[in-house]
PDB file of N, CA and C in Angstrom:
ATOM      1  N   MET A   1      66.839  63.188  44.739  1.00  0.00           N
ATOM      2  CA  MET A   1      67.635  64.318  43.899  1.00  0.00           C
ATOM      3  C   MET A   1      66.971  64.729  42.766  1.00  0.00           C
ATOM      4  N   LYS A   2      66.893  65.643  42.264  1.00  0.00           N
ATOM      5  CA  LYS A   2      66.261  66.218  40.963  1.00  0.00           C
ATOM      6  C   LYS A   2      66.807  65.516  39.924  1.00  0.00           C
ATOM      7  N   SER A   3      66.324  65.830  38.862  1.00  0.00           N
ATOM      8  CA  SER A   3      66.645  65.075  37.437  1.00  0.00           C
ATOM      9  C   SER A   3      67.728  66.373  36.872  1.00  0.00           C
ATOM     10  N   SER A   4      67.699  67.507  37.319  1.00  0.00           N
ATOM     11  CA  SER A   4      68.954  68.550  36.734  1.00  0.00           C
ATOM     12  C   SER A   4      69.981  68.350  37.465  1.00  0.00           C
ATOM     13  N   ASP A   5      70.114  67.767  38.718  1.00  0.00           N
ATOM     14  CA  ASP A   5      71.263  67.618  39.427  1.00  0.00           C
ATOM     15  C   ASP A   5      71.910  66.560  39.442  1.00  0.00           C
ATOM     16  N   ARG A   6      71.273  65.527  39.223  1.00  0.00           N
ATOM     17  CA  ARG A   6      71.466  64.047  38.461  1.00  0.00           C
ATOM     18  C   ARG A   6      72.036  64.390  37.188  1.00  0.00           C
ATOM     19  N   ARG A   7      71.728  65.205  36.760  1.00  0.00           N
ATOM     20  CA  ARG A   7      72.729  65.605  35.048  1.00  0.00           C
ATOM     21  C   ARG A   7      73.603  66.349  35.318  1.00  0.00           C
ATOM     22  N   ALA A   8      73.570  66.925  36.193  1.00  0.00           N
ATOM     23  CA  ALA A   8      75.007  67.779  36.198  1.00  0.00           C
ATOM     24  C   ALA A   8      75.745  66.661  37.078  1.00  0.00           C
ATOM     25  N   ALA A   9      75.459  66.145  37.738  1.00  0.00           N
ATOM     26  CA  ALA A   9      76.109  65.047  38.958  1.00  0.00           C
ATOM     27  C   ALA A   9      77.258  63.836  37.535  1.00  0.00           C
ATOM     28  N   LEU A  10      76.458  63.566  37.102  1.00  0.00           N
ATOM     29  CA  LEU A  10      76.667  62.643  35.584  1.00  0.00           C
ATOM     30  C   LEU A  10      77.876  63.285  34.536  1.00  0.00           C
ATOM     31  N   ALA A  11      77.638  64.485  34.124  1.00  0.00           N
ATOM     32  CA  ALA A  11      77.774  65.633  33.450  1.00  0.00           C
ATOM     33  C   ALA A  11      79.925  65.410  34.131  1.00  0.00           C
ATOM     34  N   THR A  12      79.624  66.011  35.303  1.00  0.00           N
ATOM     35  CA  THR A  12      80.720  66.102  36.250  1.00  0.00           C
ATOM     36  C   THR A  12      81.408  64.898  36.762  1.00  0.00           C
ATOM     37  N   TYR A  13      81.388  63.577  36.668  1.00  0.00           N
ATOM     38  CA  TYR A  13      81.701  62.730  36.472  1.00  0.00           C
ATOM     39  C   TYR A  13      82.553  62.138  35.498  1.00  0.00           C
ATOM     40  N   LYS A  14      81.334  62.237  33.868  1.00  0.00           N
ATOM     41  CA  LYS A  14      82.399  61.856  32.593  1.00  0.00           C
ATOM     42  C   LYS A  14      83.437  62.624  31.941  1.00  0.00           C
ATOM     43  N   GLU A  15      83.363  64.011  32.666  1.00  0.00           N
ATOM     44  CA  GLU A  15      84.607  64.706  32.207  1.00  0.00           C
ATOM     45  C   GLU A  15      85.624  65.089  33.368  1.00  0.00           C
ATOM     46  N   ARG A  16      85.393  63.987  34.190  1.00  0.00           N
ATOM     47  CA  ARG A  16      86.413  64.424  35.274  1.00  0.00           C
ATOM     48  C   ARG A  16      87.965  63.661  34.644  1.00  0.00           C
ATOM     49  N   LYS A  17      88.644  63.811  34.677  1.00  0.00           N
ATOM     50  CA  LYS A  17      90.206  63.312  34.689  1.00  0.00           C
ATOM     51  C   LYS A  17      90.183  62.024  34.900  1.00  0.00           C
ATOM     52  N   VAL A  18      90.874  60.975  34.766  1.00  0.00           N
ATOM     53  CA  VAL A  18      91.414  59.877  34.523  1.00  0.00           C
ATOM     54  C   VAL A  18      92.741  59.287  34.712  1.00  0.00           C
ATOM     55  N   GLN A  19      92.829  58.826  35.922  1.00  0.00           N
ATOM     56  CA  GLN A  19      94.330  58.275  35.757  1.00  0.00           C
ATOM     57  C   GLN A  19      94.721  57.312  35.862  1.00  0.00           C
ATOM     58  N   ALA A  20      95.419  56.888  35.067  1.00  0.00           N
ATOM     59  CA  ALA A  20      95.372  55.422  34.752  1.00  0.00           C
ATOM     60  C   ALA A  20      97.173  55.020  35.549  1.00  0.00           C
ATOM     61  N   GLY A  21      97.215  53.406  35.936  1.00  0.00           N
ATOM     62  CA  GLY A  21      98.354  53.257  36.635  1.00  0.00           C
ATOM     63  C   GLY A  21      98.434  52.079  37.051  1.00  0.00           C
ATOM     64  N   ILE A  22     100.153  52.167  38.111  1.00  0.00           N
ATOM     65  CA  ILE A  22      99.803  50.651  38.609  1.00  0.00           C
ATOM     66  C   ILE A  22      99.622  50.372  40.184  1.00  0.00           C
ATOM     67  N   TYR A  23      99.242  49.767  40.421  1.00  0.00           N
ATOM     68  CA  TYR A  23      98.531  49.503  42.095  1.00  0.00           C
ATOM     69  C   TYR A  23      99.199  48.199  43.054  1.00  0.00           C
ATOM     70  N   ALA A  24      99.074  48.342  44.024  1.00  0.00           N
ATOM     71  CA  ALA A  24      99.305  46.843  44.860  1.00  0.00           C
ATOM     72  C   ALA A  24      98.551  46.604  45.904  1.00  0.00           C
ATOM     73  N   VAL A  25      98.331  45.135  46.219  1.00  0.00           N
ATOM     74  CA  VAL A  25      97.201  45.294  47.416  1.00  0.00           C
ATOM     75  C   VAL A  25      98.411  44.361  48.274  1.00  0.00           C
ATOM     76  N   HIS A  26      98.336  44.574  49.629  1.00  0.00           N
ATOM     77  CA  HIS A  26      99.291  44.242  50.365  1.00  0.00           C
ATOM     78  C   HIS A  26      98.190  43.338  51.509  1.00  0.00           C
ATOM     79  N   CYS A  27      98.509  41.914  52.151  1.00  0.00           N
ATOM     80  CA  CYS A  27      98.516  41.546  52.988  1.00  0.00           C
ATOM     81  C   CYS A  27      99.393  41.374  54.289  1.00  0.00           C
ATOM     82  N   ALA A  28      98.861  42.219  55.303  1.00  0.00           N
ATOM     83  CA  ALA A  28      99.734  42.505  56.367  1.00  0.00           C
ATOM     84  C   ALA A  28     100.085  41.226  56.776  1.00  0.00           C
ATOM     85  N   ALA A  29      99.151  39.916  57.242  1.00  0.00           N
ATOM     86  CA  ALA A  29      99.120  38.745  57.777  1.00  0.00           C
ATOM     87  C   ALA A  29     100.191  38.356  57.510  1.00  0.00           C
ATOM     88  N   THR A  30     100.307  38.168  55.644  1.00  0.00           N
ATOM     89  CA  THR A  30     101.156  37.430  55.168  1.00  0.00           C
ATOM     90  C   THR A  30     102.285  37.788  54.898  1.00  0.00           C
ATOM     91  N   GLY A  31     102.177  39.106  54.102  1.00  0.00           N
ATOM     92  CA  GLY A  31     103.567  39.829  54.069  1.00  0.00           C
ATOM     93  C   GLY A  31     103.275  39.390  52.052  1.00  0.00           C
ATOM     94  N   GLN A  32     102.448  38.909  51.760  1.00  0.00           N
ATOM     95  CA  GLN A  32     101.776  39.122  50.306  1.00  0.00           C
ATOM     96  C   GLN A  32     101.323  40.414  49.719  1.00  0.00           C
ATOM     97  N   GLN A  33     102.117  40.063  47.920  1.00  0.00           N
ATOM     98  CA  GLN A  33     101.095  41.808  47.532  1.00  0.00           C
ATOM     99  C   GLN A  33     100.880  41.123  46.109  1.00  0.00           C
ATOM    100  N   TRP A  34     100.233  41.810  45.780  1.00  0.00           N
ATOM    101  CA  TRP A  34      99.708  41.517  44.476  1.00  0.00           C
ATOM    102  C   TRP A  34      99.671  42.768  43.707  1.00  0.00           C
ATOM    103  N   ILE A  35     100.594  42.787  42.712  1.00  0.00           N
ATOM    104  CA  ILE A  35     100.390  43.949  42.065  1.00  0.00           C
ATOM    105  C   ILE A  35      99.035  44.014  40.297  1.00  0.00           C
ATOM    106  N   GLY A  36      98.910  45.467  39.741  1.00  0.00           N
ATOM    107  CA  GLY A  36      98.094  45.179  39.181  1.00  0.00           C
ATOM    108  C   GLY A  36      98.171  46.472  38.667  1.00  0.00           C
ATOM    109  N   LYS A  37      97.569  46.523  36.822  1.00  0.00           N
ATOM    110  CA  LYS A  37      97.197  47.810  36.278  1.00  0.00           C
ATOM    111  C   LYS A  37      96.140  47.816  35.942  1.00  0.00           C
ATOM    112  N   ALA A  38      95.553  49.062  35.706  1.00  0.00           N
ATOM    113  CA  ALA A  38      94.298  50.245  36.053  1.00  0.00           C
ATOM    114  C   ALA A  38      94.233  50.916  35.178  1.00  0.00           C
ATOM    115  N   PRO A  39      93.021  51.112  34.166  1.00  0.00           N
ATOM    116  CA  PRO A  39      93.141  52.325  33.077  1.00  0.00           C
ATOM    117  C   PRO A  39      92.503  53.446  34.141  1.00  0.00           C
ATOM    118  N   ASP A  40      91.888  53.552  35.488  1.00  0.00           N
ATOM    119  CA  ASP A  40      91.486  54.188  35.957  1.00  0.00           C
ATOM    120  C   ASP A  40      91.535  54.045  37.453  1.00  0.00           C
ATOM    121  N   LEU A  41      92.281  54.438  38.242  1.00  0.00           N
ATOM    122  CA  LEU A  41      93.029  54.081  40.075  1.00  0.00           C
ATOM    123  C   LEU A  41      92.397  54.690  41.071  1.00  0.00           C
ATOM    124  N   ALA A  42      91.124  55.030  40.443  1.00  0.00           N
ATOM    125  CA  ALA A  42      90.089  55.605  41.116  1.00  0.00           C
ATOM    126  C   ALA A  42      89.077  55.074  41.729  1.00  0.00           C
ATOM    127  N   THR A  43      88.521  53.663  40.586  1.00  0.00           N
ATOM    128  CA  THR A  43      87.877  53.138  41.047  1.00  0.00           C
ATOM    129  C   THR A  43      88.345  51.744  41.588  1.00  0.00           C
ATOM    130  N   ILE A  44      89.621  51.446  41.008  1.00  0.00           N
ATOM    131  CA  ILE A  44      89.883  50.142  41.164  1.00  0.00           C
ATOM    132  C   ILE A  44      89.432  49.286  42.346  1.00  0.00           C
ATOM    133  N   ARG A  45      90.177  50.182  43.453  1.00  0.00           N
ATOM    134  CA  ARG A  45      90.108  49.547  45.035  1.00  0.00           C
ATOM    135  C   ARG A  45      88.702  48.909  45.426  1.00  0.00           C
ATOM    136  N   ASN A  46      87.682  49.787  45.053  1.00  0.00           N
ATOM    137  CA  ASN A  46      86.241  49.597  45.385  1.00  0.00           C
ATOM    138  C   ASN A  46      85.889  48.808  44.578  1.00  0.00           C
ATOM    139  N   ARG A  47      86.167  48.402  43.194  1.00  0.00           N
ATOM    140  CA  ARG A  47      86.286  47.420  42.289  1.00  0.00           C
ATOM    141  C   ARG A  47      86.850  45.840  42.848  1.00  0.00           C
ATOM    142  N   LEU A  48      87.718  46.370  43.460  1.00  0.00           N
ATOM    143  CA  LEU A  48      88.712  44.871  44.003  1.00  0.00           C
ATOM    144  C   LEU A  48      87.799  44.657  45.417  1.00  0.00           C
ATOM    145  N   TRP A  49      87.584  45.180  46.380  1.00  0.00           N
ATOM    146  CA  TRP A  49      87.056  44.928  47.511  1.00  0.00           C
ATOM    147  C   TRP A  49      85.602  44.368  47.521  1.00  0.00           C
ATOM    148  N   PHE A  50      84.840  44.850  46.455  1.00  0.00           N
ATOM    149  CA  PHE A  50      83.589  44.532  46.234  1.00  0.00           C
ATOM    150  C   PHE A  50      83.669  42.883  46.074  1.00  0.00           C
ATOM    151  N   THR A  51      84.584  42.557  44.809  1.00  0.00           N
ATOM    152  CA  THR A  51      84.765  41.110  44.353  1.00  0.00           C
ATOM    153  C   THR A  51      85.376  40.322  45.223  1.00  0.00           C
ATOM    154  N   LEU A  52      86.327  40.799  46.255  1.00  0.00           N
ATOM    155  CA  LEU A  52      86.949  39.881  47.192  1.00  0.00           C
ATOM    156  C   LEU A  52      85.364  39.913  48.421  1.00  0.00           C
ATOM    157  N   ARG A  53      84.667  40.815  48.560  1.00  0.00           N
ATOM    158  CA  ARG A  53      83.593  40.639  49.729  1.00  0.00           C
ATOM    159  C   ARG A  53      82.825  39.240  49.493  1.00  0.00           C
ATOM    160  N   GLN A  54      82.607  39.623  47.574  1.00  0.00           N
ATOM    161  CA  GLN A  54      81.430  38.585  47.243  1.00  0.00           C
ATOM    162  C   GLN A  54      81.975  37.371  47.112  1.00  0.00           C
ATOM    163  N   GLY A  55      83.456  37.002  47.193  1.00  0.00           N
ATOM    164  CA  GLY A  55      83.988  36.088  46.983  1.00  0.00           C
ATOM    165  C   GLY A  55      84.313  35.766  45.089  1.00  0.00           C
ATOM    166  N   ASN A  56      84.022  36.660  44.635  1.00  0.00           N
ATOM    167  CA  ASN A  56      83.900  36.416  43.424  1.00  0.00           C
ATOM    168  C   ASN A  56      85.667  36.745  42.475  1.00  0.00           C
ATOM    169  N   ASN A  57      86.642  37.374  43.255  1.00  0.00           N
ATOM    170  CA  ASN A  57      88.067  37.576  42.484  1.00  0.00           C
ATOM    171  C   ASN A  57      88.086  36.679  41.882  1.00  0.00           C
ATOM    172  N   PRO A  58      88.626  36.938  40.575  1.00  0.00           N
ATOM    173  CA  PRO A  58      89.122  35.882  39.599  1.00  0.00           C
ATOM    174  C   PRO A  58      90.890  35.160  40.273  1.00  0.00           C
ATOM    175  N   HIS A  59      91.496  35.875  41.161  1.00  0.00           N
ATOM    176  CA  HIS A  59      92.879  35.431  41.483  1.00  0.00           C
ATOM    177  C   HIS A  59      92.517  34.869  42.841  1.00  0.00           C
ATOM    178  N   ARG A  60      92.726  33.714  42.488  1.00  0.00           N
ATOM    179  CA  ARG A  60      92.786  32.835  43.448  1.00  0.00           C
ATOM    180  C   ARG A  60      93.400  32.736  44.839  1.00  0.00           C
ATOM    181  N   SER A  61      94.482  33.021  44.766  1.00  0.00           N
ATOM    182  CA  SER A  61      95.418  33.201  46.253  1.00  0.00           C
ATOM    183  C   SER A  61      94.674  34.817  46.481  1.00  0.00           C
ATOM    184  N   LEU A  62      94.783  35.691  45.716  1.00  0.00           N
ATOM    185  CA  LEU A  62      94.734  36.604  46.755  1.00  0.00           C
ATOM    186  C   LEU A  62      92.950  36.685  47.190  1.00  0.00           C
ATOM    187  N   GLN A  63      91.556  35.786  46.765  1.00  0.00           N
ATOM    188  CA  GLN A  63      91.087  35.574  47.112  1.00  0.00           C
ATOM    189  C   GLN A  63      91.080  34.276  48.625  1.00  0.00           C
ATOM    190  N   GLU A  64      91.509  33.791  48.272  1.00  0.00           N
ATOM    191  CA  GLU A  64      91.791  32.928  49.734  1.00  0.00           C
ATOM    192  C   GLU A  64      92.461  33.373  50.312  1.00  0.00           C
ATOM    193  N   ALA A  65      93.852  34.389  50.175  1.00  0.00           N
ATOM    194  CA  ALA A  65      93.981  35.144  51.440  1.00  0.00           C
ATOM    195  C   ALA A  65      93.283  35.521  52.370  1.00  0.00           C
ATOM    196  N   TRP A  66      92.338  36.498  51.516  1.00  0.00           N
ATOM    197  CA  TRP A  66      91.264  37.449  51.733  1.00  0.00           C
ATOM    198  C   TRP A  66      90.314  36.620  52.554  1.00  0.00           C
ATOM    199  N   ALA A  67      89.923  35.619  51.985  1.00  0.00           N
ATOM    200  CA  ALA A  67      88.710  34.812  53.149  1.00  0.00           C
ATOM    201  C   ALA A  67      89.651  34.297  54.465  1.00  0.00           C
ATOM    202  N   LEU A  68      90.831  33.671  54.501  1.00  0.00           N
ATOM    203  CA  LEU A  68      91.805  33.417  55.533  1.00  0.00           C
ATOM    204  C   LEU A  68      91.825  34.547  56.351  1.00  0.00           C
ATOM    205  N   HIS A  69      91.905  35.847  55.865  1.00  0.00           N
ATOM    206  CA  HIS A  69      92.722  36.787  56.773  1.00  0.00           C
ATOM    207  C   HIS A  69      91.602  37.243  57.653  1.00  0.00           C
ATOM    208  N   GLY A  70      90.795  38.022  56.186  1.00  0.00           N
ATOM    209  CA  GLY A  70      89.824  38.888  56.433  1.00  0.00           C
ATOM    210  C   GLY A  70      90.378  40.394  55.569  1.00  0.00           C
ATOM    211  N   ALA A  71      89.153  40.955  55.865  1.00  0.00           N
ATOM    212  CA  ALA A  71      89.881  42.472  54.823  1.00  0.00           C
ATOM    213  C   ALA A  71      90.424  43.609  55.805  1.00  0.00           C
ATOM    214  N   ASP A  72      90.563  43.177  57.168  1.00  0.00           N
ATOM    215  CA  ASP A  72      90.908  44.391  57.971  1.00  0.00           C
ATOM    216  C   ASP A  72      92.803  44.250  57.918  1.00  0.00           C
ATOM    217  N   VAL A  73      93.347  43.569  57.443  1.00  0.00           N
ATOM    218  CA  VAL A  73      94.938  42.868  57.343  1.00  0.00           C
ATOM    219  C   VAL A  73      95.388  43.282  55.703  1.00  0.00           C
ATOM    220  N   PHE A  74      93.953  43.549  54.823  1.00  0.00           N
ATOM    221  CA  PHE A  74      94.525  44.584  53.499  1.00  0.00           C
ATOM    222  C   PHE A  74      94.804  45.886  52.967  1.00  0.00           C
ATOM    223  N   SER A  75      95.750  46.102  52.868  1.00  0.00           N
ATOM    224  CA  SER A  75      95.654  47.569  52.138  1.00  0.00           C
ATOM    225  C   SER A  75      95.898  47.671  50.541  1.00  0.00           C
ATOM    226  N   PHE A  76      95.877  48.866  50.301  1.00  0.00           N
ATOM    227  CA  PHE A  76      96.063  49.344  49.101  1.00  0.00           C
ATOM    228  C   PHE A  76      97.139  50.405  48.471  1.00  0.00           C
ATOM    229  N   GLU A  77      97.454  50.453  47.437  1.00  0.00           N
ATOM    230  CA  GLU A  77      98.688  51.404  47.351  1.00  0.00           C
ATOM    231  C   GLU A  77      98.446  51.648  46.022  1.00  0.00           C
ATOM    232  N   VAL A  78      98.583  53.023  45.769  1.00  0.00           N
ATOM    233  CA  VAL A  78      98.555  53.221  44.294  1.00  0.00           C
ATOM    234  C   VAL A  78     100.342  52.915  43.884  1.00  0.00           C
ATOM    235  N   VAL A  79     101.402  52.261  43.063  1.00  0.00           N
ATOM    236  CA  VAL A  79     102.484  52.195  43.139  1.00  0.00           C
ATOM    237  C   VAL A  79     103.033  53.230  42.264  1.00  0.00           C
ATOM    238  N   GLU A  80     102.230  53.797  40.874  1.00  0.00           N
ATOM    239  CA  GLU A  80     102.899  54.321  39.974  1.00  0.00           C
ATOM    240  C   GLU A  80     101.350  55.114  38.972  1.00  0.00           C
ATOM    241  N   GLN A  81     101.632  56.286  38.805  1.00  0.00           N
ATOM    242  CA  GLN A  81     100.557  56.422  38.029  1.00  0.00           C
ATOM    243  C   GLN A  81     100.734  57.301  36.733  1.00  0.00           C
ATOM    244  N   VAL A  82     101.141  57.051  35.779  1.00  0.00           N
ATOM    245  CA  VAL A  82     101.303  56.788  34.690  1.00  0.00           C
ATOM    246  C   VAL A  82     100.907  57.690  33.888  1.00  0.00           C
ATOM    247  N   GLU A  83     101.646  58.749  33.307  1.00  0.00           N
ATOM    248  CA  GLU A  83     101.247  59.973  32.540  1.00  0.00           C
ATOM    249  C   GLU A  83     100.547  59.670  31.123  1.00  0.00           C
ATOM    250  N   GLU A  84      99.514  60.891  31.081  1.00  0.00           N
ATOM    251  CA  GLU A  84      98.468  60.434  29.681  1.00  0.00           C
ATOM    252  C   GLU A  84      99.369  60.751  28.163  1.00  0.00           C
ATOM    253  N   GLU A  85     100.861  61.265  28.474  1.00  0.00           N
ATOM    254  CA  GLU A  85     101.219  61.009  27.108  1.00  0.00           C
ATOM    255  C   GLU A  85     102.033  59.692  27.151  1.00  0.00           C
ATOM    256  N   ALA A  86     102.137  59.154  27.936  1.00  0.00           N
ATOM    257  CA  ALA A  86     102.749  57.646  27.610  1.00  0.00           C
ATOM    258  C   ALA A  86     101.568  56.777  27.348  1.00  0.00           C
ATOM    259  N   LEU A  87     100.168  57.240  27.220  1.00  0.00           N
ATOM    260  CA  LEU A  87      99.320  56.175  27.305  1.00  0.00           C
ATOM    261  C   LEU A  87      98.469  56.611  25.698  1.00  0.00           C
ATOM    262  N   GLN A  88      98.865  57.625  25.276  1.00  0.00           N
ATOM    263  CA  GLN A  88      98.090  58.358  23.792  1.00  0.00           C
ATOM    264  C   GLN A  88      97.955  56.833  22.823  1.00  0.00           C
ATOM    265  N   PHE A  89      99.657  55.956  22.699  1.00  0.00           N
ATOM    266  CA  PHE A  89      99.361  54.955  21.718  1.00  0.00           C
ATOM    267  C   PHE A  89      99.485  53.783  22.462  1.00  0.00           C
ATOM    268  N   GLY A  90      98.791  52.849  22.393  1.00  0.00           N
ATOM    269  CA  GLY A  90      98.754  51.749  23.068  1.00  0.00           C
ATOM    270  C   GLY A  90      98.963  51.735  24.662  1.00  0.00           C
ATOM    271  N   ARG A  91      97.760  52.196  25.180  1.00  0.00           N
ATOM    272  CA  ARG A  91      97.706  52.247  26.568  1.00  0.00           C
ATOM    273  C   ARG A  91      97.442  50.670  27.446  1.00  0.00           C
ATOM    274  N   ASP A  92      97.273  49.698  26.985  1.00  0.00           N
ATOM    275  CA  ASP A  92      97.836  48.338  27.213  1.00  0.00           C
ATOM    276  C   ASP A  92      98.691  47.759  27.480  1.00  0.00           C
ATOM    277  N   ARG A  93      99.547  48.249  26.414  1.00  0.00           N
ATOM    278  CA  ARG A  93     100.842  47.906  26.525  1.00  0.00           C
ATOM    279  C   ARG A  93     101.954  48.772  27.119  1.00  0.00           C
ATOM    280  N   ALA A  94     101.703  49.825  27.458  1.00  0.00           N
ATOM    281  CA  ALA A  94     102.361  50.839  28.019  1.00  0.00           C
ATOM    282  C   ALA A  94     102.036  50.153  29.642  1.00  0.00           C
ATOM    283  N   LEU A  95     100.923  50.347  30.046  1.00  0.00           N
ATOM    284  CA  LEU A  95     100.649  49.778  30.994  1.00  0.00           C
ATOM    285  C   LEU A  95     100.778  47.999  31.379  1.00  0.00           C
ATOM    286  N   LYS A  96     101.219  47.787  30.384  1.00  0.00           N
ATOM    287  CA  LYS A  96     101.616  46.268  30.557  1.00  0.00           C
ATOM    288  C   LYS A  96     103.494  46.290  31.195  1.00  0.00           C
ATOM    289  N   GLY A  97     104.000  46.916  30.618  1.00  0.00           N
ATOM    290  CA  GLY A  97     105.153  47.258  30.586  1.00  0.00           C
ATOM    291  C   GLY A  97     105.338  47.579  32.055  1.00  0.00           C
ATOM    292  N   ARG A  98     104.583  48.905  32.675  1.00  0.00           N
ATOM    293  CA  ARG A  98     105.167  49.423  33.864  1.00  0.00           C
ATOM    294  C   ARG A  98     104.856  48.124  34.861  1.00  0.00           C
ATOM    295  N   LEU A  99     103.405  47.546  34.578  1.00  0.00           N
ATOM    296  CA  LEU A  99     103.165  46.369  35.711  1.00  0.00           C
ATOM    297  C   LEU A  99     104.163  45.208  35.375  1.00  0.00           C
ATOM    298  N   ASP A 100     105.209  44.572  34.396  1.00  0.00           N
ATOM    299  CA  ASP A 100     106.089  43.811  34.616  1.00  0.00           C
ATOM    300  C   ASP A 100     107.250  44.606  35.388  1.00  0.00           C
ATOM    301  N   HIS A 101     107.721  45.615  35.376  1.00  0.00           N
ATOM    302  CA  HIS A 101     108.574  46.263  35.836  1.00  0.00           C
ATOM    303  C   HIS A 101     108.415  46.142  37.215  1.00  0.00           C
ATOM    304  N   TRP A 102     107.100  46.727  37.834  1.00  0.00           N
ATOM    305  CA  TRP A 102     106.841  46.782  39.108  1.00  0.00           C
ATOM    306  C   TRP A 102     107.114  45.102  39.909  1.00  0.00           C
ATOM    307  N   ILE A 103     106.449  44.370  39.064  1.00  0.00           N
ATOM    308  CA  ILE A 103     106.387  43.022  39.375  1.00  0.00           C
ATOM    309  C   ILE A 103     107.772  42.411  39.493  1.00  0.00           C
ATOM    310  N   ALA A 104     108.528  43.317  38.480  1.00  0.00           N
ATOM    311  CA  ALA A 104     110.385  42.323  38.917  1.00  0.00           C
ATOM    312  C   ALA A 104     110.777  43.390  40.180  1.00  0.00           C
ATOM    313  N   ILE A 105     110.519  44.541  40.609  1.00  0.00           N
ATOM    314  CA  ILE A 105     111.040  45.219  41.543  1.00  0.00           C
ATOM    315  C   ILE A 105     111.235  44.203  42.752  1.00  0.00           C
ATOM    316  N   ARG A 106     109.333  44.347  43.076  1.00  0.00           N
ATOM    317  CA  ARG A 106     108.677  44.164  44.031  1.00  0.00           C
ATOM    318  C   ARG A 106     108.332  42.661  44.223  1.00  0.00           C
ATOM    319  N   GLY A 107     108.118  41.832  43.376  1.00  0.00           N
ATOM    320  CA  GLY A 107     108.482  40.669  43.093  1.00  0.00           C
ATOM    321  C   GLY A 107     106.847  39.865  43.889  1.00  0.00           C
ATOM    322  N   GLY A 108     105.775  40.715  43.653  1.00  0.00           N
ATOM    323  CA  GLY A 108     104.399  40.407  44.016  1.00  0.00           C
ATOM    324  C   GLY A 108     104.070  39.275  42.761  1.00  0.00           C
ATOM    325  N   ALA A 109     102.931  39.291  43.220  1.00  0.00           N
ATOM    326  CA  ALA A 109     102.018  38.261  41.828  1.00  0.00           C
ATOM    327  C   ALA A 109     101.210  38.864  41.096  1.00  0.00           C
ATOM    328  N   PRO A 110     100.989  39.196  39.962  1.00  0.00           N
ATOM    329  CA  PRO A 110     100.265  39.684  39.442  1.00  0.00           C
ATOM    330  C   PRO A 110      98.850  39.448  39.557  1.00  0.00           C
ATOM    331  N   ILE A 111      98.002  41.120  39.478  1.00  0.00           N
ATOM    332  CA  ILE A 111      96.398  40.602  39.671  1.00  0.00           C
ATOM    333  C   ILE A 111      96.287  41.237  37.639  1.00  0.00           C
TER     334      ILE A 111
END
């Protein structure tokens, strides 16, 4: 890849619109689900799957289920995309409020 192509790709990546929100990870073998919040929904699945494959995920119950049942029984779902206007003031507080809402509705464990 030429350096000009690399610079253009990097500029495009930096200019992309980031979508924050709430996601869920499901285990089909047990019916368990884990619900989390992310400032960038486009990248969180890859981050989670990487830490799970490496055995380094900080959420013990999720890591144990992954080790016991394998990657094939897990799925990822975007539950809610939070509007940018709602995140202007207090991004973490807004995401935490939506996370608590979805945990109460779905009964999953927080990530």
